[in-house]
Structure formats: structure tokens, C-alpha cells
Amino acid sequence: MFPDLNSRSTPAPPAWSRFSRCPCLFKNEALNITVVSYDGNLNFSFTACRTSLPRVQDVAVYTLAALEQLEEAVRDSGQRTPGQEG
């Protein structure tokens, strides 16, 4: 009654093969950083080619460190930042 799924004439592709190419990166592009500001938050999204940039999490860590340095520099300069009271 049900077809035998184990008897195929051609081998099935690996489950991950459809994810091996990222359609959100353009040709010759290794990293896409998207920044969105919403409801008082600044959100970052990192999309990278695993071959060209295998440790994309390092980019996220460096970005956080750079933002913390920027906030400190603005705080030390006495300038008001958006959303700051007073």
C-alpha cells in the first residue's frame, strides 16, 4: 500500500546540501552585516560564507567591543545620546 522509501534508484542528497549555498549573499560576497534600529534597540545580523569567514562569531565579538568603546567615548565627551534623560 505504501511505497518503499528505502529502494531508490539514485541516492538522496545530504539533508544539509540545500543550505550549503546562502542565497542572501551575492556572488563574491563573504559577509553581510545588517543593522536595524527598532523601539530604542540597535540590532545587528551577521551572515557569512563559512568557507571565507569560518569564525563569524569573532566579528560579532569585535563589533560589541567597538560599540562599548564608542559608548564610553561619547559618555566621556559629555554629549547626550539618543534616549538619554535630561
PDB file of N, CA and C in Angstrom:
ATOM      1  N   MET A   1       0.805  -1.188   0.000  1.00  0.00           N
ATOM      2  CA  MET A   1       0.000   0.000   0.000  1.00  0.00           C
ATOM      3  C   MET A   1       0.859   1.268   0.000  1.00  0.00           C
ATOM      4  N   PHE A   2       1.901   1.313   0.846  1.00  0.00           N
ATOM      5  CA  PHE A   2       2.783   2.475   0.879  1.00  0.00           C
ATOM      6  C   PHE A   2       4.037   2.175   0.079  1.00  0.00           C
ATOM      7  N   PRO A   3       4.572   3.160  -0.607  1.00  0.00           N
ATOM      8  CA  PRO A   3       5.790   2.902  -1.386  1.00  0.00           C
ATOM      9  C   PRO A   3       6.977   2.645  -0.466  1.00  0.00           C
ATOM     10  N   ASP A   4       7.894   1.834  -0.955  1.00  0.00           N
ATOM     11  CA  ASP A   4       9.106   1.532  -0.193  1.00  0.00           C
ATOM     12  C   ASP A   4      10.088   2.679  -0.400  1.00  0.00           C
ATOM     13  N   LEU A   5      10.299   3.488   0.619  1.00  0.00           N
ATOM     14  CA  LEU A   5      11.163   4.658   0.508  1.00  0.00           C
ATOM     15  C   LEU A   5      12.641   4.301   0.560  1.00  0.00           C
ATOM     16  N   ASN A   6      12.956   3.098   0.971  1.00  0.00           N
ATOM     17  CA  ASN A   6      14.355   2.694   1.067  1.00  0.00           C
ATOM     18  C   ASN A   6      14.941   2.255  -0.265  1.00  0.00           C
ATOM     19  N   SER A   7      14.119   1.949  -1.239  1.00  0.00           N
ATOM     20  CA  SER A   7      14.644   1.493  -2.527  1.00  0.00           C
ATOM     21  C   SER A   7      14.547   2.624  -3.543  1.00  0.00           C
ATOM     22  N   ARG A   8      15.606   3.381  -3.660  1.00  0.00           N
ATOM     23  CA  ARG A   8      15.666   4.476  -4.624  1.00  0.00           C
ATOM     24  C   ARG A   8      16.710   4.149  -5.675  1.00  0.00           C
ATOM     25  N   SER A   9      16.487   4.610  -6.860  1.00  0.00           N
ATOM     26  CA  SER A   9      17.455   4.360  -7.924  1.00  0.00           C
ATOM     27  C   SER A   9      18.653   5.303  -7.819  1.00  0.00           C
ATOM     28  N   THR A  10      18.455   6.488  -7.253  1.00  0.00           N
ATOM     29  CA  THR A  10      19.562   7.427  -7.053  1.00  0.00           C
ATOM     30  C   THR A  10      19.654   7.755  -5.565  1.00  0.00           C
ATOM     31  N   PRO A  11      20.849   7.964  -5.068  1.00  0.00           N
ATOM     32  CA  PRO A  11      20.988   8.285  -3.653  1.00  0.00           C
ATOM     33  C   PRO A  11      20.414   9.668  -3.347  1.00  0.00           C
ATOM     34  N   ALA A  12      19.845   9.811  -2.187  1.00  0.00           N
ATOM     35  CA  ALA A  12      19.291  11.103  -1.764  1.00  0.00           C
ATOM     36  C   ALA A  12      20.435  12.039  -1.397  1.00  0.00           C
ATOM     37  N   PRO A  13      20.294  13.319  -1.713  1.00  0.00           N
ATOM     38  CA  PRO A  13      21.345  14.264  -1.330  1.00  0.00           C
ATOM     39  C   PRO A  13      21.361  14.434   0.191  1.00  0.00           C
ATOM     40  N   PRO A  14      22.501  14.817   0.752  1.00  0.00           N
ATOM     41  CA  PRO A  14      22.534  15.050   2.193  1.00  0.00           C
ATOM     42  C   PRO A  14      21.530  16.130   2.582  1.00  0.00           C
ATOM     43  N   ALA A  15      21.007  16.046   3.781  1.00  0.00           N
ATOM     44  CA  ALA A  15      19.988  16.995   4.232  1.00  0.00           C
ATOM     45  C   ALA A  15      20.515  18.422   4.257  1.00  0.00           C
ATOM     46  N   TRP A  16      21.804  18.604   4.516  1.00  0.00           N
ATOM     47  CA  TRP A  16      22.356  19.950   4.622  1.00  0.00           C
ATOM     48  C   TRP A  16      22.690  20.570   3.279  1.00  0.00           C
ATOM     49  N   SER A  17      22.641  19.813   2.192  1.00  0.00           N
ATOM     50  CA  SER A  17      23.108  20.333   0.911  1.00  0.00           C
ATOM     51  C   SER A  17      22.276  21.519   0.425  1.00  0.00           C
ATOM     52  N   ARG A  18      21.025  21.579   0.781  1.00  0.00           N
ATOM     53  CA  ARG A  18      20.218  22.713   0.323  1.00  0.00           C
ATOM     54  C   ARG A  18      20.575  23.997   1.054  1.00  0.00           C
ATOM     55  N   PHE A  19      21.327  23.880   2.168  1.00  0.00           N
ATOM     56  CA  PHE A  19      21.742  25.057   2.917  1.00  0.00           C
ATOM     57  C   PHE A  19      23.185  25.434   2.632  1.00  0.00           C
ATOM     58  N   SER A  20      23.868  24.676   1.792  1.00  0.00           N
ATOM     59  CA  SER A  20      25.293  24.915   1.574  1.00  0.00           C
ATOM     60  C   SER A  20      25.547  26.230   0.845  1.00  0.00           C
ATOM     61  N   ARG A  21      24.625  26.682   0.049  1.00  0.00           N
ATOM     62  CA  ARG A  21      24.766  27.972  -0.614  1.00  0.00           C
ATOM     63  C   ARG A  21      23.756  28.930  -0.018  1.00  0.00           C
ATOM     64  N   CYS A  22      24.246  30.052   0.412  1.00  0.00           N
ATOM     65  CA  CYS A  22      23.367  31.031   1.058  1.00  0.00           C
ATOM     66  C   CYS A  22      22.845  32.012   0.011  1.00  0.00           C
ATOM     67  N   PRO A  23      21.549  32.025  -0.261  1.00  0.00           N
ATOM     68  CA  PRO A  23      21.014  32.924  -1.283  1.00  0.00           C
ATOM     69  C   PRO A  23      21.036  34.390  -0.857  1.00  0.00           C
ATOM     70  N   CYS A  24      21.312  34.660   0.431  1.00  0.00           N
ATOM     71  CA  CYS A  24      21.298  36.051   0.883  1.00  0.00           C
ATOM     72  C   CYS A  24      22.646  36.735   0.678  1.00  0.00           C
ATOM     73  N   LEU A  25      23.660  36.017   0.204  1.00  0.00           N
ATOM     74  CA  LEU A  25      24.947  36.620  -0.124  1.00  0.00           C
ATOM     75  C   LEU A  25      25.069  36.704  -1.642  1.00  0.00           C
ATOM     76  N   PHE A  26      25.583  37.822  -2.116  1.00  0.00           N
ATOM     77  CA  PHE A  26      25.788  37.991  -3.548  1.00  0.00           C
ATOM     78  C   PHE A  26      27.067  37.280  -3.967  1.00  0.00           C
ATOM     79  N   LYS A  27      27.253  37.134  -5.265  1.00  0.00           N
ATOM     80  CA  LYS A  27      28.452  36.488  -5.794  1.00  0.00           C
ATOM     81  C   LYS A  27      29.690  37.236  -5.300  1.00  0.00           C
ATOM     82  N   ASN A  28      30.683  36.484  -4.852  1.00  0.00           N
ATOM     83  CA  ASN A  28      31.948  37.015  -4.345  1.00  0.00           C
ATOM     84  C   ASN A  28      31.783  37.815  -3.043  1.00  0.00           C
ATOM     85  N   GLU A  29      30.680  37.681  -2.369  1.00  0.00           N
ATOM     86  CA  GLU A  29      30.473  38.361  -1.097  1.00  0.00           C
ATOM     87  C   GLU A  29      30.674  37.344   0.019  1.00  0.00           C
ATOM     88  N   ALA A  30      31.476  37.713   1.027  1.00  0.00           N
ATOM     89  CA  ALA A  30      31.769  36.788   2.123  1.00  0.00           C
ATOM     90  C   ALA A  30      31.038  37.150   3.401  1.00  0.00           C
ATOM     91  N   LEU A  31      30.625  38.409   3.537  1.00  0.00           N
ATOM     92  CA  LEU A  31      29.995  38.850   4.781  1.00  0.00           C
ATOM     93  C   LEU A  31      28.926  39.886   4.496  1.00  0.00           C
ATOM     94  N   ASN A  32      27.779  39.727   5.134  1.00  0.00           N
ATOM     95  CA  ASN A  32      26.700  40.703   5.067  1.00  0.00           C
ATOM     96  C   ASN A  32      26.365  41.087   6.493  1.00  0.00           C
ATOM     97  N   ILE A  33      26.444  42.378   6.807  1.00  0.00           N
ATOM     98  CA  ILE A  33      26.076  42.875   8.137  1.00  0.00           C
ATOM     99  C   ILE A  33      24.853  43.762   7.953  1.00  0.00           C
ATOM    100  N   THR A  34      23.777  43.410   8.624  1.00  0.00           N
ATOM    101  CA  THR A  34      22.552  44.191   8.572  1.00  0.00           C
ATOM    102  C   THR A  34      22.337  44.816   9.942  1.00  0.00           C
ATOM    103  N   VAL A  35      22.062  46.116   9.957  1.00  0.00           N
ATOM    104  CA  VAL A  35      21.823  46.836  11.206  1.00  0.00           C
ATOM    105  C   VAL A  35      20.418  47.418  11.142  1.00  0.00           C
ATOM    106  N   VAL A  36      19.624  47.141  12.169  1.00  0.00           N
ATOM    107  CA  VAL A  36      18.248  47.624  12.229  1.00  0.00           C
ATOM    108  C   VAL A  36      18.024  48.291  13.584  1.00  0.00           C
ATOM    109  N   SER A  37      17.453  49.469  13.554  1.00  0.00           N
ATOM    110  CA  SER A  37      17.087  50.167  14.786  1.00  0.00           C
ATOM    111  C   SER A  37      15.576  50.062  14.939  1.00  0.00           C
ATOM    112  N   TYR A  38      15.139  49.573  16.089  1.00  0.00           N
ATOM    113  CA  TYR A  38      13.709  49.409  16.329  1.00  0.00           C
ATOM    114  C   TYR A  38      13.421  49.534  17.815  1.00  0.00           C
ATOM    115  N   ASP A  39      12.483  50.386  18.159  1.00  0.00           N
ATOM    116  CA  ASP A  39      11.986  50.520  19.524  1.00  0.00           C
ATOM    117  C   ASP A  39      13.123  50.773  20.527  1.00  0.00           C
ATOM    118  N   GLY A  40      14.053  51.649  20.151  1.00  0.00           N
ATOM    119  CA  GLY A  40      15.144  52.003  21.045  1.00  0.00           C
ATOM    120  C   GLY A  40      16.284  51.004  21.092  1.00  0.00           C
ATOM    121  N   ASN A  41      16.234  49.971  20.279  1.00  0.00           N
ATOM    122  CA  ASN A  41      17.297  48.963  20.242  1.00  0.00           C
ATOM    123  C   ASN A  41      18.006  49.007  18.899  1.00  0.00           C
ATOM    124  N   LEU A  42      19.300  48.697  18.920  1.00  0.00           N
ATOM    125  CA  LEU A  42      20.081  48.581  17.706  1.00  0.00           C
ATOM    126  C   LEU A  42      20.442  47.115  17.545  1.00  0.00           C
ATOM    127  N   ASN A  43      19.963  46.492  16.479  1.00  0.00           N
ATOM    128  CA  ASN A  43      20.154  45.056  16.266  1.00  0.00           C
ATOM    129  C   ASN A  43      21.083  44.812  15.085  1.00  0.00           C
ATOM    130  N   PHE A  44      22.019  43.880  15.268  1.00  0.00           N
ATOM    131  CA  PHE A  44      22.976  43.520  14.231  1.00  0.00           C
ATOM    132  C   PHE A  44      22.734  42.081  13.804  1.00  0.00           C
ATOM    133  N   SER A  45      22.832  41.836  12.511  1.00  0.00           N
ATOM    134  CA  SER A  45      22.726  40.487  11.977  1.00  0.00           C
ATOM    135  C   SER A  45      23.939  40.232  11.097  1.00  0.00           C
ATOM    136  N   PHE A  46      24.622  39.123  11.338  1.00  0.00           N
ATOM    137  CA  PHE A  46      25.807  38.767  10.570  1.00  0.00           C
ATOM    138  C   PHE A  46      25.514  37.501   9.775  1.00  0.00           C
ATOM    139  N   THR A  47      25.689  37.580   8.463  1.00  0.00           N
ATOM    140  CA  THR A  47      25.546  36.422   7.587  1.00  0.00           C
ATOM    141  C   THR A  47      26.859  36.272   6.840  1.00  0.00           C
ATOM    142  N   ALA A  48      27.464  35.097   6.948  1.00  0.00           N
ATOM    143  CA  ALA A  48      28.794  34.928   6.361  1.00  0.00           C
ATOM    144  C   ALA A  48      28.922  33.611   5.612  1.00  0.00           C
ATOM    145  N   CYS A  49      29.856  33.601   4.693  1.00  0.00           N
ATOM    146  CA  CYS A  49      30.222  32.390   3.980  1.00  0.00           C
ATOM    147  C   CYS A  49      31.147  31.582   4.887  1.00  0.00           C
ATOM    148  N   ARG A  50      30.775  30.341   5.163  1.00  0.00           N
ATOM    149  CA  ARG A  50      31.573  29.506   6.075  1.00  0.00           C
ATOM    150  C   ARG A  50      32.985  29.258   5.572  1.00  0.00           C
ATOM    151  N   THR A  51      33.148  29.223   4.266  1.00  0.00           N
ATOM    152  CA  THR A  51      34.470  28.974   3.700  1.00  0.00           C
ATOM    153  C   THR A  51      35.373  30.200   3.841  1.00  0.00           C
ATOM    154  N   SER A  52      34.853  31.358   3.519  1.00  0.00           N
ATOM    155  CA  SER A  52      35.643  32.584   3.554  1.00  0.00           C
ATOM    156  C   SER A  52      35.826  33.133   4.960  1.00  0.00           C
ATOM    157  N   LEU A  53      34.826  32.968   5.788  1.00  0.00           N
ATOM    158  CA  LEU A  53      34.857  33.531   7.144  1.00  0.00           C
ATOM    159  C   LEU A  53      34.313  32.489   8.119  1.00  0.00           C
ATOM    160  N   PRO A  54      35.115  31.476   8.446  1.00  0.00           N
ATOM    161  CA  PRO A  54      34.609  30.375   9.268  1.00  0.00           C
ATOM    162  C   PRO A  54      34.311  30.755  10.720  1.00  0.00           C
ATOM    163  N   ARG A  55      34.868  31.864  11.206  1.00  0.00           N
ATOM    164  CA  ARG A  55      34.637  32.256  12.599  1.00  0.00           C
ATOM    165  C   ARG A  55      33.916  33.605  12.653  1.00  0.00           C
ATOM    166  N   VAL A  56      32.728  33.648  12.089  1.00  0.00           N
ATOM    167  CA  VAL A  56      31.966  34.899  12.033  1.00  0.00           C
ATOM    168  C   VAL A  56      31.607  35.390  13.440  1.00  0.00           C
ATOM    169  N   GLN A  57      31.566  34.490  14.422  1.00  0.00           N
ATOM    170  CA  GLN A  57      31.254  34.913  15.784  1.00  0.00           C
ATOM    171  C   GLN A  57      32.316  35.881  16.305  1.00  0.00           C
ATOM    172  N   ASP A  58      33.553  35.778  15.801  1.00  0.00           N
ATOM    173  CA  ASP A  58      34.593  36.728  16.202  1.00  0.00           C
ATOM    174  C   ASP A  58      34.241  38.138  15.754  1.00  0.00           C
ATOM    175  N   VAL A  59      33.659  38.269  14.574  1.00  0.00           N
ATOM    176  CA  VAL A  59      33.248  39.579  14.077  1.00  0.00           C
ATOM    177  C   VAL A  59      32.194  40.176  15.006  1.00  0.00           C
ATOM    178  N   ALA A  60      31.275  39.363  15.476  1.00  0.00           N
ATOM    179  CA  ALA A  60      30.242  39.843  16.401  1.00  0.00           C
ATOM    180  C   ALA A  60      30.867  40.292  17.721  1.00  0.00           C
ATOM    181  N   VAL A  61      31.837  39.541  18.221  1.00  0.00           N
ATOM    182  CA  VAL A  61      32.506  39.911  19.476  1.00  0.00           C
ATOM    183  C   VAL A  61      33.264  41.225  19.305  1.00  0.00           C
ATOM    184  N   TYR A  62      33.981  41.376  18.177  1.00  0.00           N
ATOM    185  CA  TYR A  62      34.726  42.609  17.929  1.00  0.00           C
ATOM    186  C   TYR A  62      33.780  43.797  17.760  1.00  0.00           C
ATOM    187  N   THR A  63      32.631  43.568  17.148  1.00  0.00           N
ATOM    188  CA  THR A  63      31.642  44.638  16.980  1.00  0.00           C
ATOM    189  C   THR A  63      31.131  45.104  18.330  1.00  0.00           C
ATOM    190  N   LEU A  64      30.842  44.166  19.223  1.00  0.00           N
ATOM    191  CA  LEU A  64      30.392  44.533  20.570  1.00  0.00           C
ATOM    192  C   LEU A  64      31.461  45.340  21.293  1.00  0.00           C
ATOM    193  N   ALA A  65      32.705  44.914  21.212  1.00  0.00           N
ATOM    194  CA  ALA A  65      33.797  45.646  21.864  1.00  0.00           C
ATOM    195  C   ALA A  65      33.918  47.063  21.299  1.00  0.00           C
ATOM    196  N   ALA A  66      33.788  47.199  19.980  1.00  0.00           N
ATOM    197  CA  ALA A  66      33.880  48.519  19.356  1.00  0.00           C
ATOM    198  C   ALA A  66      32.717  49.412  19.775  1.00  0.00           C
ATOM    199  N   LEU A  67      31.522  48.849  19.892  1.00  0.00           N
ATOM    200  CA  LEU A  67      30.367  49.640  20.336  1.00  0.00           C
ATOM    201  C   LEU A  67      30.529  50.090  21.778  1.00  0.00           C
ATOM    202  N   GLU A  68      31.084  49.225  22.624  1.00  0.00           N
ATOM    203  CA  GLU A  68      31.330  49.612  24.019  1.00  0.00           C
ATOM    204  C   GLU A  68      32.346  50.740  24.091  1.00  0.00           C
ATOM    205  N   GLN A  69      33.387  50.692  23.258  1.00  0.00           N
ATOM    206  CA  GLN A  69      34.371  51.777  23.214  1.00  0.00           C
ATOM    207  C   GLN A  69      33.730  53.069  22.730  1.00  0.00           C
ATOM    208  N   LEU A  70      32.859  52.974  21.749  1.00  0.00           N
ATOM    209  CA  LEU A  70      32.169  54.152  21.222  1.00  0.00           C
ATOM    210  C   LEU A  70      31.273  54.771  22.282  1.00  0.00           C
ATOM    211  N   GLU A  71      30.510  53.937  22.999  1.00  0.00           N
ATOM    212  CA  GLU A  71      29.652  54.449  24.077  1.00  0.00           C
ATOM    213  C   GLU A  71      30.474  55.145  25.157  1.00  0.00           C
ATOM    214  N   GLU A  72      31.622  54.567  25.501  1.00  0.00           N
ATOM    215  CA  GLU A  72      32.484  55.164  26.519  1.00  0.00           C
ATOM    216  C   GLU A  72      33.034  56.510  26.043  1.00  0.00           C
ATOM    217  N   ALA A  73      33.435  56.589  24.775  1.00  0.00           N
ATOM    218  CA  ALA A  73      33.957  57.840  24.231  1.00  0.00           C
ATOM    219  C   ALA A  73      32.894  58.928  24.231  1.00  0.00           C
ATOM    220  N   VAL A  74      31.657  58.568  23.877  1.00  0.00           N
ATOM    221  CA  VAL A  74      30.562  59.543  23.881  1.00  0.00           C
ATOM    222  C   VAL A  74      30.253  59.969  25.313  1.00  0.00           C
ATOM    223  N   ARG A  75      30.235  59.011  26.226  1.00  0.00           N
ATOM    224  CA  ARG A  75      29.971  59.316  27.634  1.00  0.00           C
ATOM    225  C   ARG A  75      31.039  60.262  28.192  1.00  0.00           C
ATOM    226  N   ASP A  76      32.307  60.004  27.868  1.00  0.00           N
ATOM    227  CA  ASP A  76      33.402  60.841  28.359  1.00  0.00           C
ATOM    228  C   ASP A  76      33.396  62.233  27.753  1.00  0.00           C
ATOM    229  N   SER A  77      32.838  62.389  26.565  1.00  0.00           N
ATOM    230  CA  SER A  77      32.802  63.693  25.906  1.00  0.00           C
ATOM    231  C   SER A  77      31.693  64.580  26.468  1.00  0.00           C
ATOM    232  N   GLY A  78      30.775  63.990  27.220  1.00  0.00           N
ATOM    233  CA  GLY A  78      29.684  64.764  27.806  1.00  0.00           C
ATOM    234  C   GLY A  78      28.517  64.986  26.868  1.00  0.00           C
ATOM    235  N   GLN A  79      28.562  64.413  25.679  1.00  0.00           N
ATOM    236  CA  GLN A  79      27.456  64.569  24.731  1.00  0.00           C
ATOM    237  C   GLN A  79      26.291  63.677  25.151  1.00  0.00           C
ATOM    238  N   ARG A  80      25.087  64.149  24.861  1.00  0.00           N
ATOM    239  CA  ARG A  80      23.906  63.326  25.133  1.00  0.00           C
ATOM    240  C   ARG A  80      23.723  62.322  24.023  1.00  0.00           C
ATOM    241  N   THR A  81      23.293  61.138  24.412  1.00  0.00           N
ATOM    242  CA  THR A  81      22.980  60.116  23.424  1.00  0.00           C
ATOM    243  C   THR A  81      21.478  60.026  23.281  1.00  0.00           C
ATOM    244  N   PRO A  82      20.969  59.541  22.153  1.00  0.00           N
ATOM    245  CA  PRO A  82      19.522  59.404  21.973  1.00  0.00           C
ATOM    246  C   PRO A  82      18.917  58.550  23.088  1.00  0.00           C
ATOM    247  N   GLY A  83      17.808  59.020  23.620  1.00  0.00           N
ATOM    248  CA  GLY A  83      17.123  58.269  24.671  1.00  0.00           C
ATOM    249  C   GLY A  83      17.625  58.622  26.073  1.00  0.00           C
ATOM    250  N   GLN A  84      18.631  59.496  26.146  1.00  0.00           N
ATOM    251  CA  GLN A  84      19.184  59.878  27.444  1.00  0.00           C
ATOM    252  C   GLN A  84      18.318  60.973  28.041  1.00  0.00           C
ATOM    253  N   GLU A  85      18.006  60.837  29.318  1.00  0.00           N
ATOM    254  CA  GLU A  85      17.172  61.830  30.009  1.00  0.00           C
ATOM    255  C   GLU A  85      17.987  63.079  30.313  1.00  0.00           C
ATOM    256  N   GLY A  86      17.290  64.234  30.324  1.00  0.00           N
ATOM    257  CA  GLY A  86      17.925  65.465  30.769  1.00  0.00           C
ATOM    258  C   GLY A  86      18.471  66.217  29.652  1.00  0.00           C
TER     259      GLY A  86
END
